[in-house]
Each structure stands twice: as C-alpha cells, then as structure tokens.
Amino acid sequence: MNTNTAVNHDPLDHDEEHTKPTTPAAPLPPQKTLIAAGELLRALAAPVRIAIVLQLRESERCVHELKDALGVTQPLISQHLRVLKAAGVVHGERSGREVLYRLVDDHLAHIITDAIAHAEESS
C-alpha cells in the first residue's frame, strides 16, 4: 500500500511561492470582557483621574488631601472620584466626617504607570 500522496501544484500559480506563513490569531477574551476593559480605560482617560490614581497608589487619601496635592477644586476632585468609583477603580470608606479613598487593586496603578512611562519614552 502506497502511503505517499502526490500533491498537484499548478505551475502557473505563482502566489503560492510568495505567500508568507500566517501567524495564528491571538485568542481573545469574551466580548463582555473587552467592553469592560474599554470602559475602564475610558474612566482612566483624564489627566486629573490619572493624577488621582497616582496619589492613591502611594496611600489612601481623603478629598481635601487630593485637592491640595493636585491643586484643583474640591468639586472637581469629587466629580472625578465619582467616575473612578463607578468604574470600580477606587473604593471609598467613611472615617468620621471624611471618606478615605483607595485603589481597588494594584493592577490599576500599573496601567497608569506603564502609560506614563510610554508617554515619557515617546516625548
């Protein structure tokens, strides 16, 4: 029994000779995960919110500490904290009359520090 099979090549088919091997597509997470990642990146896509994340990377802080560190108004800090909280980036915990904000996890700080490093390399 002959196990060799002949492959018929058309001698006029020149495209086959110049075709580069294709790399298989990278596996993708579910669409729901891609949408959530996009929403997270949108929530982080404001200079004040980036600065807030950098401050919270160091330690938890209340609104007036963030206001003093960033030099912006309290209402603006509160507005940006609401966006970050809704996106699951920060968590607030009441301590007396103040709310102390902290990052939900360190992955978020890495996203920001990596983006800053990239921006600094590009400039």
PDB file of N, CA and C in Angstrom:
ATOM      1  N   MET A   1       0.852  -1.172   0.000  1.00  0.00           N
ATOM      2  CA  MET A   1       0.000   0.000   0.000  1.00  0.00           C
ATOM      3  C   MET A   1       0.893   1.229   0.000  1.00  0.00           C
ATOM      4  N   ASN A   2       0.663   2.134  -0.890  1.00  0.00           N
ATOM      5  CA  ASN A   2       1.475   3.330  -1.014  1.00  0.00           C
ATOM      6  C   ASN A   2       0.853   4.437  -0.173  1.00  0.00           C
ATOM      7  N   THR A   3       1.602   4.919   0.843  1.00  0.00           N
ATOM      8  CA  THR A   3       1.084   5.974   1.708  1.00  0.00           C
ATOM      9  C   THR A   3       1.492   7.353   1.229  1.00  0.00           C
ATOM     10  N   ASN A   4       2.326   7.422   0.213  1.00  0.00           N
ATOM     11  CA  ASN A   4       2.716   8.723  -0.329  1.00  0.00           C
ATOM     12  C   ASN A   4       1.593   9.243  -1.196  1.00  0.00           C
ATOM     13  N   THR A   5       1.229  10.483  -0.946  1.00  0.00           N
ATOM     14  CA  THR A   5       0.208  11.086  -1.776  1.00  0.00           C
ATOM     15  C   THR A   5       0.852  12.216  -2.557  1.00  0.00           C
ATOM     16  N   ALA A   6       0.532  12.292  -3.789  1.00  0.00           N
ATOM     17  CA  ALA A   6       1.090  13.333  -4.638  1.00  0.00           C
ATOM     18  C   ALA A   6       0.262  14.594  -4.474  1.00  0.00           C
ATOM     19  N   VAL A   7       0.939  15.718  -4.381  1.00  0.00           N
ATOM     20  CA  VAL A   7       0.262  16.998  -4.303  1.00  0.00           C
ATOM     21  C   VAL A   7       0.392  17.641  -5.663  1.00  0.00           C
ATOM     22  N   ASN A   8      -0.730  17.974  -6.245  1.00  0.00           N
ATOM     23  CA  ASN A   8      -0.712  18.600  -7.562  1.00  0.00           C
ATOM     24  C   ASN A   8      -0.544  20.097  -7.411  1.00  0.00           C
ATOM     25  N   HIS A   9       0.521  20.641  -7.942  1.00  0.00           N
ATOM     26  CA  HIS A   9       0.752  22.080  -7.936  1.00  0.00           C
ATOM     27  C   HIS A   9       0.579  22.599  -9.340  1.00  0.00           C
ATOM     28  N   ASP A  10      -0.121  23.677  -9.438  1.00  0.00           N
ATOM     29  CA  ASP A  10      -0.274  24.331 -10.735  1.00  0.00           C
ATOM     30  C   ASP A  10       0.985  25.149 -10.977  1.00  0.00           C
ATOM     31  N   PRO A  11       1.755  24.858 -12.002  1.00  0.00           N
ATOM     32  CA  PRO A  11       2.995  25.591 -12.242  1.00  0.00           C
ATOM     33  C   PRO A  11       2.762  27.069 -12.546  1.00  0.00           C
ATOM     34  N   LEU A  12       1.533  27.455 -12.875  1.00  0.00           N
ATOM     35  CA  LEU A  12       1.242  28.863 -13.145  1.00  0.00           C
ATOM     36  C   LEU A  12       0.786  29.606 -11.896  1.00  0.00           C
ATOM     37  N   ASP A  13       0.610  28.900 -10.799  1.00  0.00           N
ATOM     38  CA  ASP A  13       0.161  29.515  -9.545  1.00  0.00           C
ATOM     39  C   ASP A  13       1.383  30.051  -8.797  1.00  0.00           C
ATOM     40  N   HIS A  14       1.755  31.288  -9.101  1.00  0.00           N
ATOM     41  CA  HIS A  14       2.952  31.884  -8.510  1.00  0.00           C
ATOM     42  C   HIS A  14       2.692  32.449  -7.118  1.00  0.00           C
ATOM     43  N   ASP A  15       1.427  32.681  -6.771  1.00  0.00           N
ATOM     44  CA  ASP A  15       1.118  33.247  -5.460  1.00  0.00           C
ATOM     45  C   ASP A  15       1.543  32.309  -4.340  1.00  0.00           C
ATOM     46  N   GLU A  16       1.441  31.031  -4.554  1.00  0.00           N
ATOM     47  CA  GLU A  16       1.780  30.056  -3.524  1.00  0.00           C
ATOM     48  C   GLU A  16       3.246  30.178  -3.113  1.00  0.00           C
ATOM     49  N   GLU A  17       4.105  30.473  -4.058  1.00  0.00           N
ATOM     50  CA  GLU A  17       5.527  30.566  -3.767  1.00  0.00           C
ATOM     51  C   GLU A  17       5.852  31.775  -2.903  1.00  0.00           C
ATOM     52  N   HIS A  18       5.073  32.840  -3.010  1.00  0.00           N
ATOM     53  CA  HIS A  18       5.374  34.091  -2.324  1.00  0.00           C
ATOM     54  C   HIS A  18       4.496  34.330  -1.097  1.00  0.00           C
ATOM     55  N   THR A  19       3.696  33.387  -0.753  1.00  0.00           N
ATOM     56  CA  THR A  19       2.821  33.538   0.396  1.00  0.00           C
ATOM     57  C   THR A  19       3.627  33.360   1.669  1.00  0.00           C
ATOM     58  N   LYS A  20       3.498  34.358   2.551  1.00  0.00           N
ATOM     59  CA  LYS A  20       4.186  34.274   3.837  1.00  0.00           C
ATOM     60  C   LYS A  20       3.363  33.380   4.756  1.00  0.00           C
ATOM     61  N   PRO A  21       4.047  32.634   5.607  1.00  0.00           N
ATOM     62  CA  PRO A  21       3.268  31.841   6.561  1.00  0.00           C
ATOM     63  C   PRO A  21       2.483  32.792   7.474  1.00  0.00           C
ATOM     64  N   THR A  22       1.268  32.428   7.770  1.00  0.00           N
ATOM     65  CA  THR A  22       0.446  33.290   8.617  1.00  0.00           C
ATOM     66  C   THR A  22       0.608  32.896  10.079  1.00  0.00           C
ATOM     67  N   THR A  23       0.570  33.905  10.921  1.00  0.00           N
ATOM     68  CA  THR A  23       0.603  33.678  12.352  1.00  0.00           C
ATOM     69  C   THR A  23      -0.837  33.519  12.813  1.00  0.00           C
ATOM     70  N   PRO A  24      -1.107  32.499  13.589  1.00  0.00           N
ATOM     71  CA  PRO A  24      -2.494  32.322  14.039  1.00  0.00           C
ATOM     72  C   PRO A  24      -2.944  33.527  14.863  1.00  0.00           C
ATOM     73  N   ALA A  25      -4.213  33.830  14.778  1.00  0.00           N
ATOM     74  CA  ALA A  25      -4.783  34.941  15.537  1.00  0.00           C
ATOM     75  C   ALA A  25      -4.631  34.675  17.028  1.00  0.00           C
ATOM     76  N   ALA A  26      -4.356  35.750  17.761  1.00  0.00           N
ATOM     77  CA  ALA A  26      -4.255  35.642  19.220  1.00  0.00           C
ATOM     78  C   ALA A  26      -5.647  35.362  19.779  1.00  0.00           C
ATOM     79  N   PRO A  27      -5.724  34.539  20.800  1.00  0.00           N
ATOM     80  CA  PRO A  27      -7.036  34.283  21.406  1.00  0.00           C
ATOM     81  C   PRO A  27      -7.556  35.558  22.074  1.00  0.00           C
ATOM     82  N   LEU A  28      -8.838  35.789  21.955  1.00  0.00           N
ATOM     83  CA  LEU A  28      -9.456  36.977  22.530  1.00  0.00           C
ATOM     84  C   LEU A  28     -10.369  36.591  23.684  1.00  0.00           C
ATOM     85  N   PRO A  29     -10.436  37.476  24.684  1.00  0.00           N
ATOM     86  CA  PRO A  29     -11.408  37.223  25.764  1.00  0.00           C
ATOM     87  C   PRO A  29     -12.817  37.463  25.239  1.00  0.00           C
ATOM     88  N   PRO A  30     -13.813  37.091  26.002  1.00  0.00           N
ATOM     89  CA  PRO A  30     -15.200  37.311  25.574  1.00  0.00           C
ATOM     90  C   PRO A  30     -15.477  38.802  25.337  1.00  0.00           C
ATOM     91  N   GLN A  31     -16.438  39.092  24.483  1.00  0.00           N
ATOM     92  CA  GLN A  31     -16.816  40.470  24.148  1.00  0.00           C
ATOM     93  C   GLN A  31     -17.143  41.273  25.401  1.00  0.00           C
ATOM     94  N   LYS A  32     -17.799  40.657  26.353  1.00  0.00           N
ATOM     95  CA  LYS A  32     -18.159  41.328  27.610  1.00  0.00           C
ATOM     96  C   LYS A  32     -16.908  41.845  28.323  1.00  0.00           C
ATOM     97  N   THR A  33     -15.844  41.061  28.317  1.00  0.00           N
ATOM     98  CA  THR A  33     -14.594  41.452  28.954  1.00  0.00           C
ATOM     99  C   THR A  33     -13.936  42.596  28.188  1.00  0.00           C
ATOM    100  N   LEU A  34     -13.971  42.543  26.861  1.00  0.00           N
ATOM    101  CA  LEU A  34     -13.400  43.624  26.055  1.00  0.00           C
ATOM    102  C   LEU A  34     -14.139  44.937  26.304  1.00  0.00           C
ATOM    103  N   ILE A  35     -15.442  44.862  26.429  1.00  0.00           N
ATOM    104  CA  ILE A  35     -16.238  46.067  26.696  1.00  0.00           C
ATOM    105  C   ILE A  35     -15.887  46.633  28.071  1.00  0.00           C
ATOM    106  N   ALA A  36     -15.781  45.767  29.071  1.00  0.00           N
ATOM    107  CA  ALA A  36     -15.425  46.220  30.423  1.00  0.00           C
ATOM    108  C   ALA A  36     -14.042  46.858  30.438  1.00  0.00           C
ATOM    109  N   ALA A  37     -13.094  46.295  29.717  1.00  0.00           N
ATOM    110  CA  ALA A  37     -11.745  46.863  29.646  1.00  0.00           C
ATOM    111  C   ALA A  37     -11.780  48.232  28.981  1.00  0.00           C
ATOM    112  N   GLY A  38     -12.577  48.374  27.937  1.00  0.00           N
ATOM    113  CA  GLY A  38     -12.717  49.676  27.278  1.00  0.00           C
ATOM    114  C   GLY A  38     -13.312  50.719  28.202  1.00  0.00           C
ATOM    115  N   GLU A  39     -14.307  50.322  28.980  1.00  0.00           N
ATOM    116  CA  GLU A  39     -14.919  51.256  29.941  1.00  0.00           C
ATOM    117  C   GLU A  39     -13.923  51.659  31.020  1.00  0.00           C
ATOM    118  N   LEU A  40     -13.115  50.718  31.466  1.00  0.00           N
ATOM    119  CA  LEU A  40     -12.084  51.024  32.464  1.00  0.00           C
ATOM    120  C   LEU A  40     -11.086  52.035  31.900  1.00  0.00           C
ATOM    121  N   LEU A  41     -10.625  51.803  30.680  1.00  0.00           N
ATOM    122  CA  LEU A  41      -9.665  52.724  30.071  1.00  0.00           C
ATOM    123  C   LEU A  41     -10.278  54.110  29.856  1.00  0.00           C
ATOM    124  N   ARG A  42     -11.556  54.165  29.490  1.00  0.00           N
ATOM    125  CA  ARG A  42     -12.224  55.468  29.359  1.00  0.00           C
ATOM    126  C   ARG A  42     -12.269  56.189  30.697  1.00  0.00           C
ATOM    127  N   ALA A  43     -12.540  55.445  31.770  1.00  0.00           N
ATOM    128  CA  ALA A  43     -12.598  56.059  33.105  1.00  0.00           C
ATOM    129  C   ALA A  43     -11.238  56.617  33.522  1.00  0.00           C
ATOM    130  N   LEU A  44     -10.176  56.001  33.051  1.00  0.00           N
ATOM    131  CA  LEU A  44      -8.830  56.452  33.411  1.00  0.00           C
ATOM    132  C   LEU A  44      -8.308  57.541  32.471  1.00  0.00           C
ATOM    133  N   ALA A  45      -9.034  57.839  31.422  1.00  0.00           N
ATOM    134  CA  ALA A  45      -8.537  58.690  30.342  1.00  0.00           C
ATOM    135  C   ALA A  45      -8.745  60.184  30.575  1.00  0.00           C
ATOM    136  N   ALA A  46      -8.419  60.661  31.744  1.00  0.00           N
ATOM    137  CA  ALA A  46      -8.469  62.098  32.026  1.00  0.00           C
ATOM    138  C   ALA A  46      -7.274  62.429  32.912  1.00  0.00           C
ATOM    139  N   PRO A  47      -6.572  63.515  32.607  1.00  0.00           N
ATOM    140  CA  PRO A  47      -5.370  63.845  33.398  1.00  0.00           C
ATOM    141  C   PRO A  47      -5.609  63.917  34.911  1.00  0.00           C
ATOM    142  N   VAL A  48      -6.732  64.500  35.331  1.00  0.00           N
ATOM    143  CA  VAL A  48      -6.998  64.588  36.774  1.00  0.00           C
ATOM    144  C   VAL A  48      -7.199  63.192  37.362  1.00  0.00           C
ATOM    145  N   ARG A  49      -7.895  62.321  36.643  1.00  0.00           N
ATOM    146  CA  ARG A  49      -8.115  60.962  37.160  1.00  0.00           C
ATOM    147  C   ARG A  49      -6.796  60.181  37.208  1.00  0.00           C
ATOM    148  N   ILE A  50      -5.939  60.401  36.222  1.00  0.00           N
ATOM    149  CA  ILE A  50      -4.621  59.764  36.243  1.00  0.00           C
ATOM    150  C   ILE A  50      -3.850  60.243  37.472  1.00  0.00           C
ATOM    151  N   ALA A  51      -3.900  61.546  37.739  1.00  0.00           N
ATOM    152  CA  ALA A  51      -3.206  62.095  38.906  1.00  0.00           C
ATOM    153  C   ALA A  51      -3.786  61.546  40.215  1.00  0.00           C
ATOM    154  N   ILE A  52      -5.096  61.370  40.259  1.00  0.00           N
ATOM    155  CA  ILE A  52      -5.721  60.785  41.457  1.00  0.00           C
ATOM    156  C   ILE A  52      -5.202  59.368  41.680  1.00  0.00           C
ATOM    157  N   VAL A  53      -5.166  58.579  40.633  1.00  0.00           N
ATOM    158  CA  VAL A  53      -4.674  57.200  40.756  1.00  0.00           C
ATOM    159  C   VAL A  53      -3.226  57.205  41.241  1.00  0.00           C
ATOM    160  N   LEU A  54      -2.408  58.114  40.716  1.00  0.00           N
ATOM    161  CA  LEU A  54      -1.014  58.188  41.165  1.00  0.00           C
ATOM    162  C   LEU A  54      -0.928  58.536  42.645  1.00  0.00           C
ATOM    163  N   GLN A  55      -1.784  59.427  43.110  1.00  0.00           N
ATOM    164  CA  GLN A  55      -1.793  59.771  44.534  1.00  0.00           C
ATOM    165  C   GLN A  55      -2.238  58.585  45.393  1.00  0.00           C
ATOM    166  N   LEU A  56      -3.276  57.889  44.925  1.00  0.00           N
ATOM    167  CA  LEU A  56      -3.803  56.761  45.704  1.00  0.00           C
ATOM    168  C   LEU A  56      -2.883  55.546  45.642  1.00  0.00           C
ATOM    169  N   ARG A  57      -1.992  55.530  44.671  1.00  0.00           N
ATOM    170  CA  ARG A  57      -1.008  54.447  44.586  1.00  0.00           C
ATOM    171  C   ARG A  57      -0.104  54.483  45.817  1.00  0.00           C
ATOM    172  N   GLU A  58       0.152  55.690  46.309  1.00  0.00           N
ATOM    173  CA  GLU A  58       1.025  55.867  47.477  1.00  0.00           C
ATOM    174  C   GLU A  58       0.315  55.522  48.783  1.00  0.00           C
ATOM    175  N   SER A  59      -0.904  56.000  48.937  1.00  0.00           N
ATOM    176  CA  SER A  59      -1.677  55.700  50.149  1.00  0.00           C
ATOM    177  C   SER A  59      -3.106  56.178  49.955  1.00  0.00           C
ATOM    178  N   GLU A  60      -3.996  55.703  50.835  1.00  0.00           N
ATOM    179  CA  GLU A  60      -5.370  56.172  50.752  1.00  0.00           C
ATOM    180  C   GLU A  60      -5.411  57.638  51.161  1.00  0.00           C
ATOM    181  N   ARG A  61      -6.358  58.361  50.570  1.00  0.00           N
ATOM    182  CA  ARG A  61      -6.441  59.805  50.804  1.00  0.00           C
ATOM    183  C   ARG A  61      -7.899  60.250  50.810  1.00  0.00           C
ATOM    184  N   CYS A  62      -8.132  61.356  51.519  1.00  0.00           N
ATOM    185  CA  CYS A  62      -9.462  61.962  51.503  1.00  0.00           C
ATOM    186  C   CYS A  62      -9.478  63.065  50.441  1.00  0.00           C
ATOM    187  N   VAL A  63     -10.657  63.606  50.179  1.00  0.00           N
ATOM    188  CA  VAL A  63     -10.832  64.591  49.115  1.00  0.00           C
ATOM    189  C   VAL A  63      -9.945  65.812  49.335  1.00  0.00           C
ATOM    190  N   HIS A  64      -9.881  66.332  50.561  1.00  0.00           N
ATOM    191  CA  HIS A  64      -9.092  67.554  50.755  1.00  0.00           C
ATOM    192  C   HIS A  64      -7.598  67.299  50.559  1.00  0.00           C
ATOM    193  N   GLU A  65      -7.113  66.090  50.855  1.00  0.00           N
ATOM    194  CA  GLU A  65      -5.709  65.766  50.579  1.00  0.00           C
ATOM    195  C   GLU A  65      -5.457  65.717  49.066  1.00  0.00           C
ATOM    196  N   LEU A  66      -6.392  65.148  48.335  1.00  0.00           N
ATOM    197  CA  LEU A  66      -6.262  65.101  46.875  1.00  0.00           C
ATOM    198  C   LEU A  66      -6.338  66.513  46.281  1.00  0.00           C
ATOM    199  N   LYS A  67      -7.227  67.328  46.823  1.00  0.00           N
ATOM    200  CA  LYS A  67      -7.360  68.718  46.371  1.00  0.00           C
ATOM    201  C   LYS A  67      -6.046  69.461  46.554  1.00  0.00           C
ATOM    202  N   ASP A  68      -5.451  69.333  47.717  1.00  0.00           N
ATOM    203  CA  ASP A  68      -4.184  70.013  47.999  1.00  0.00           C
ATOM    204  C   ASP A  68      -3.052  69.476  47.120  1.00  0.00           C
ATOM    205  N   ALA A  69      -2.995  68.160  46.937  1.00  0.00           N
ATOM    206  CA  ALA A  69      -1.917  67.553  46.156  1.00  0.00           C
ATOM    207  C   ALA A  69      -2.009  67.919  44.680  1.00  0.00           C
ATOM    208  N   LEU A  70      -3.229  68.026  44.157  1.00  0.00           N
ATOM    209  CA  LEU A  70      -3.415  68.249  42.723  1.00  0.00           C
ATOM    210  C   LEU A  70      -3.652  69.715  42.366  1.00  0.00           C
ATOM    211  N   GLY A  71      -3.991  70.525  43.355  1.00  0.00           N
ATOM    212  CA  GLY A  71      -4.213  71.939  43.085  1.00  0.00           C
ATOM    213  C   GLY A  71      -5.454  72.225  42.267  1.00  0.00           C
ATOM    214  N   VAL A  72      -6.490  71.401  42.439  1.00  0.00           N
ATOM    215  CA  VAL A  72      -7.770  71.640  41.762  1.00  0.00           C
ATOM    216  C   VAL A  72      -8.862  71.752  42.818  1.00  0.00           C
ATOM    217  N   THR A  73     -10.044  72.151  42.398  1.00  0.00           N
ATOM    218  CA  THR A  73     -11.122  72.391  43.357  1.00  0.00           C
ATOM    219  C   THR A  73     -11.700  71.087  43.917  1.00  0.00           C
ATOM    220  N   GLN A  74     -12.300  71.207  45.080  1.00  0.00           N
ATOM    221  CA  GLN A  74     -12.934  70.052  45.721  1.00  0.00           C
ATOM    222  C   GLN A  74     -14.053  69.471  44.873  1.00  0.00           C
ATOM    223  N   PRO A  75     -14.926  70.320  44.265  1.00  0.00           N
ATOM    224  CA  PRO A  75     -15.983  69.741  43.416  1.00  0.00           C
ATOM    225  C   PRO A  75     -15.413  68.954  42.230  1.00  0.00           C
ATOM    226  N   LEU A  76     -14.314  69.426  41.657  1.00  0.00           N
ATOM    227  CA  LEU A  76     -13.710  68.715  40.534  1.00  0.00           C
ATOM    228  C   LEU A  76     -13.148  67.366  40.984  1.00  0.00           C
ATOM    229  N   ILE A  77     -12.484  67.347  42.135  1.00  0.00           N
ATOM    230  CA  ILE A  77     -11.976  66.082  42.684  1.00  0.00           C
ATOM    231  C   ILE A  77     -13.137  65.123  42.923  1.00  0.00           C
ATOM    232  N   SER A  78     -14.204  65.613  43.530  1.00  0.00           N
ATOM    233  CA  SER A  78     -15.360  64.761  43.829  1.00  0.00           C
ATOM    234  C   SER A  78     -15.983  64.204  42.557  1.00  0.00           C
ATOM    235  N   GLN A  79     -16.078  65.035  41.526  1.00  0.00           N
ATOM    236  CA  GLN A  79     -16.638  64.590  40.242  1.00  0.00           C
ATOM    237  C   GLN A  79     -15.792  63.460  39.656  1.00  0.00           C
ATOM    238  N   HIS A  80     -14.487  63.622  39.655  1.00  0.00           N
ATOM    239  CA  HIS A  80     -13.605  62.595  39.101  1.00  0.00           C
ATOM    240  C   HIS A  80     -13.607  61.328  39.965  1.00  0.00           C
ATOM    241  N   LEU A  81     -13.698  61.486  41.274  1.00  0.00           N
ATOM    242  CA  LEU A  81     -13.779  60.313  42.146  1.00  0.00           C
ATOM    243  C   LEU A  81     -15.059  59.521  41.877  1.00  0.00           C
ATOM    244  N   ARG A  82     -16.158  60.209  41.575  1.00  0.00           N
ATOM    245  CA  ARG A  82     -17.410  59.508  41.246  1.00  0.00           C
ATOM    246  C   ARG A  82     -17.225  58.640  40.000  1.00  0.00           C
ATOM    247  N   VAL A  83     -16.541  59.178  38.986  1.00  0.00           N
ATOM    248  CA  VAL A  83     -16.290  58.412  37.758  1.00  0.00           C
ATOM    249  C   VAL A  83     -15.422  57.196  38.074  1.00  0.00           C
ATOM    250  N   LEU A  84     -14.363  57.411  38.845  1.00  0.00           N
ATOM    251  CA  LEU A  84     -13.459  56.307  39.187  1.00  0.00           C
ATOM    252  C   LEU A  84     -14.151  55.261  40.051  1.00  0.00           C
ATOM    253  N   LYS A  85     -14.999  55.716  40.944  1.00  0.00           N
ATOM    254  CA  LYS A  85     -15.737  54.782  41.802  1.00  0.00           C
ATOM    255  C   LYS A  85     -16.729  53.960  40.984  1.00  0.00           C
ATOM    256  N   ALA A  86     -17.446  54.615  40.079  1.00  0.00           N
ATOM    257  CA  ALA A  86     -18.415  53.911  39.226  1.00  0.00           C
ATOM    258  C   ALA A  86     -17.722  52.877  38.340  1.00  0.00           C
ATOM    259  N   ALA A  87     -16.484  53.150  37.953  1.00  0.00           N
ATOM    260  CA  ALA A  87     -15.727  52.222  37.099  1.00  0.00           C
ATOM    261  C   ALA A  87     -15.032  51.123  37.906  1.00  0.00           C
ATOM    262  N   GLY A  88     -15.164  51.174  39.217  1.00  0.00           N
ATOM    263  CA  GLY A  88     -14.541  50.151  40.057  1.00  0.00           C
ATOM    264  C   GLY A  88     -13.048  50.347  40.249  1.00  0.00           C
ATOM    265  N   VAL A  89     -12.578  51.571  40.039  1.00  0.00           N
ATOM    266  CA  VAL A  89     -11.154  51.864  40.183  1.00  0.00           C
ATOM    267  C   VAL A  89     -10.809  52.194  41.631  1.00  0.00           C
ATOM    268  N   VAL A  90     -11.682  52.966  42.282  1.00  0.00           N
ATOM    269  CA  VAL A  90     -11.447  53.354  43.679  1.00  0.00           C
ATOM    270  C   VAL A  90     -12.604  52.897  44.552  1.00  0.00           C
ATOM    271  N   HIS A  91     -12.294  52.816  45.820  1.00  0.00           N
ATOM    272  CA  HIS A  91     -13.300  52.481  46.831  1.00  0.00           C
ATOM    273  C   HIS A  91     -13.186  53.522  47.934  1.00  0.00           C
ATOM    274  N   GLY A  92     -14.323  54.010  48.385  1.00  0.00           N
ATOM    275  CA  GLY A  92     -14.334  54.986  49.471  1.00  0.00           C
ATOM    276  C   GLY A  92     -14.873  54.372  50.740  1.00  0.00           C
ATOM    277  N   GLU A  93     -14.218  54.710  51.848  1.00  0.00           N
ATOM    278  CA  GLU A  93     -14.664  54.207  53.156  1.00  0.00           C
ATOM    279  C   GLU A  93     -14.730  55.370  54.126  1.00  0.00           C
ATOM    280  N   ARG A  94     -15.891  55.523  54.742  1.00  0.00           N
ATOM    281  CA  ARG A  94     -16.099  56.642  55.659  1.00  0.00           C
ATOM    282  C   ARG A  94     -15.251  56.463  56.908  1.00  0.00           C
ATOM    283  N   SER A  95     -14.616  57.579  57.291  1.00  0.00           N
ATOM    284  CA  SER A  95     -13.831  57.640  58.523  1.00  0.00           C
ATOM    285  C   SER A  95     -14.206  58.944  59.210  1.00  0.00           C
ATOM    286  N   GLY A  96     -15.187  58.870  60.122  1.00  0.00           N
ATOM    287  CA  GLY A  96     -15.703  60.086  60.752  1.00  0.00           C
ATOM    288  C   GLY A  96     -16.451  60.913  59.734  1.00  0.00           C
ATOM    289  N   ARG A  97     -16.025  62.174  59.563  1.00  0.00           N
ATOM    290  CA  ARG A  97     -16.696  63.061  58.614  1.00  0.00           C
ATOM    291  C   ARG A  97     -16.109  62.960  57.218  1.00  0.00           C
ATOM    292  N   GLU A  98     -15.017  62.247  57.068  1.00  0.00           N
ATOM    293  CA  GLU A  98     -14.348  62.159  55.778  1.00  0.00           C
ATOM    294  C   GLU A  98     -14.494  60.772  55.176  1.00  0.00           C
ATOM    295  N   VAL A  99     -14.305  60.724  53.870  1.00  0.00           N
ATOM    296  CA  VAL A  99     -14.265  59.454  53.160  1.00  0.00           C
ATOM    297  C   VAL A  99     -12.830  59.272  52.675  1.00  0.00           C
ATOM    298  N   LEU A 100     -12.237  58.143  53.046  1.00  0.00           N
ATOM    299  CA  LEU A 100     -10.889  57.814  52.585  1.00  0.00           C
ATOM    300  C   LEU A 100     -11.009  56.959  51.336  1.00  0.00           C
ATOM    301  N   TYR A 101     -10.332  57.385  50.289  1.00  0.00           N
ATOM    302  CA  TYR A 101     -10.363  56.671  49.020  1.00  0.00           C
ATOM    303  C   TYR A 101      -9.082  55.887  48.841  1.00  0.00           C
ATOM    304  N   ARG A 102      -9.231  54.703  48.250  1.00  0.00           N
ATOM    305  CA  ARG A 102      -8.070  53.862  47.950  1.00  0.00           C
ATOM    306  C   ARG A 102      -8.326  53.167  46.619  1.00  0.00           C
ATOM    307  N   LEU A 103      -7.225  52.705  45.999  1.00  0.00           N
ATOM    308  CA  LEU A 103      -7.369  51.926  44.769  1.00  0.00           C
ATOM    309  C   LEU A 103      -7.936  50.562  45.099  1.00  0.00           C
ATOM    310  N   VAL A 104      -8.756  50.041  44.222  1.00  0.00           N
ATOM    311  CA  VAL A 104      -9.337  48.722  44.422  1.00  0.00           C
ATOM    312  C   VAL A 104      -8.254  47.649  44.346  1.00  0.00           C
ATOM    313  N   ASP A 105      -7.307  47.795  43.395  1.00  0.00           N
ATOM    314  CA  ASP A 105      -6.175  46.865  43.344  1.00  0.00           C
ATOM    315  C   ASP A 105      -4.981  47.497  42.645  1.00  0.00           C
ATOM    316  N   ASP A 106      -3.828  46.877  42.777  1.00  0.00           N
ATOM    317  CA  ASP A 106      -2.587  47.428  42.239  1.00  0.00           C
ATOM    318  C   ASP A 106      -2.508  47.373  40.717  1.00  0.00           C
ATOM    319  N   HIS A 107      -3.299  46.524  40.079  1.00  0.00           N
ATOM    320  CA  HIS A 107      -3.269  46.459  38.617  1.00  0.00           C
ATOM    321  C   HIS A 107      -3.561  47.829  38.002  1.00  0.00           C
ATOM    322  N   LEU A 108      -4.441  48.555  38.651  1.00  0.00           N
ATOM    323  CA  LEU A 108      -4.844  49.854  38.125  1.00  0.00           C
ATOM    324  C   LEU A 108      -3.692  50.842  38.147  1.00  0.00           C
ATOM    325  N   ALA A 109      -2.905  50.815  39.198  1.00  0.00           N
ATOM    326  CA  ALA A 109      -1.743  51.702  39.260  1.00  0.00           C
ATOM    327  C   ALA A 109      -0.728  51.320  38.191  1.00  0.00           C
ATOM    328  N   HIS A 110      -0.588  50.032  37.908  1.00  0.00           N
ATOM    329  CA  HIS A 110       0.351  49.580  36.877  1.00  0.00           C
ATOM    330  C   HIS A 110      -0.071  50.083  35.497  1.00  0.00           C
ATOM    331  N   ILE A 111      -1.358  50.081  35.231  1.00  0.00           N
ATOM    332  CA  ILE A 111      -1.850  50.590  33.945  1.00  0.00           C
ATOM    333  C   ILE A 111      -1.406  52.043  33.776  1.00  0.00           C
ATOM    334  N   ILE A 112      -1.588  52.835  34.811  1.00  0.00           N
ATOM    335  CA  ILE A 112      -1.245  54.256  34.757  1.00  0.00           C
ATOM    336  C   ILE A 112       0.263  54.458  34.674  1.00  0.00           C
ATOM    337  N   THR A 113       1.027  53.768  35.508  1.00  0.00           N
ATOM    338  CA  THR A 113       2.478  53.973  35.484  1.00  0.00           C
ATOM    339  C   THR A 113       3.077  53.497  34.162  1.00  0.00           C
ATOM    340  N   ASP A 114       2.542  52.427  33.596  1.00  0.00           N
ATOM    341  CA  ASP A 114       3.021  51.966  32.289  1.00  0.00           C
ATOM    342  C   ASP A 114       2.677  52.993  31.197  1.00  0.00           C
ATOM    343  N   ALA A 115       1.491  53.567  31.253  1.00  0.00           N
ATOM    344  CA  ALA A 115       1.100  54.576  30.266  1.00  0.00           C
ATOM    345  C   ALA A 115       1.989  55.816  30.383  1.00  0.00           C
ATOM    346  N   ILE A 116       2.304  56.206  31.593  1.00  0.00           N
ATOM    347  CA  ILE A 116       3.173  57.378  31.808  1.00  0.00           C
ATOM    348  C   ILE A 116       4.581  57.073  31.295  1.00  0.00           C
ATOM    349  N   ALA A 117       5.093  55.891  31.592  1.00  0.00           N
ATOM    350  CA  ALA A 117       6.431  55.518  31.098  1.00  0.00           C
ATOM    351  C   ALA A 117       6.462  55.529  29.573  1.00  0.00           C
ATOM    352  N   HIS A 118       5.411  55.022  28.957  1.00  0.00           N
ATOM    353  CA  HIS A 118       5.340  55.009  27.495  1.00  0.00           C
ATOM    354  C   HIS A 118       5.311  56.435  26.941  1.00  0.00           C
ATOM    355  N   ALA A 119       4.510  57.301  27.581  1.00  0.00           N
ATOM    356  CA  ALA A 119       4.405  58.688  27.132  1.00  0.00           C
ATOM    357  C   ALA A 119       5.741  59.417  27.274  1.00  0.00           C
ATOM    358  N   GLU A 120       6.452  59.132  28.357  1.00  0.00           N
ATOM    359  CA  GLU A 120       7.759  59.757  28.555  1.00  0.00           C
ATOM    360  C   GLU A 120       8.780  59.270  27.534  1.00  0.00           C
ATOM    361  N   GLU A 121       8.702  58.001  27.156  1.00  0.00           N
ATOM    362  CA  GLU A 121       9.614  57.450  26.136  1.00  0.00           C
ATOM    363  C   GLU A 121       9.337  58.060  24.775  1.00  0.00           C
ATOM    364  N   SER A 122       8.075  58.354  24.507  1.00  0.00           N
ATOM    365  CA  SER A 122       7.667  58.870  23.201  1.00  0.00           C
ATOM    366  C   SER A 122       7.945  60.357  23.037  1.00  0.00           C
ATOM    367  N   SER A 123       8.130  61.057  24.154  1.00  0.00           N
ATOM    368  CA  SER A 123       8.315  62.523  24.038  1.00  0.00           C
ATOM    369  C   SER A 123       9.771  62.929  24.005  1.00  0.00           C
TER     370      SER A 123
END
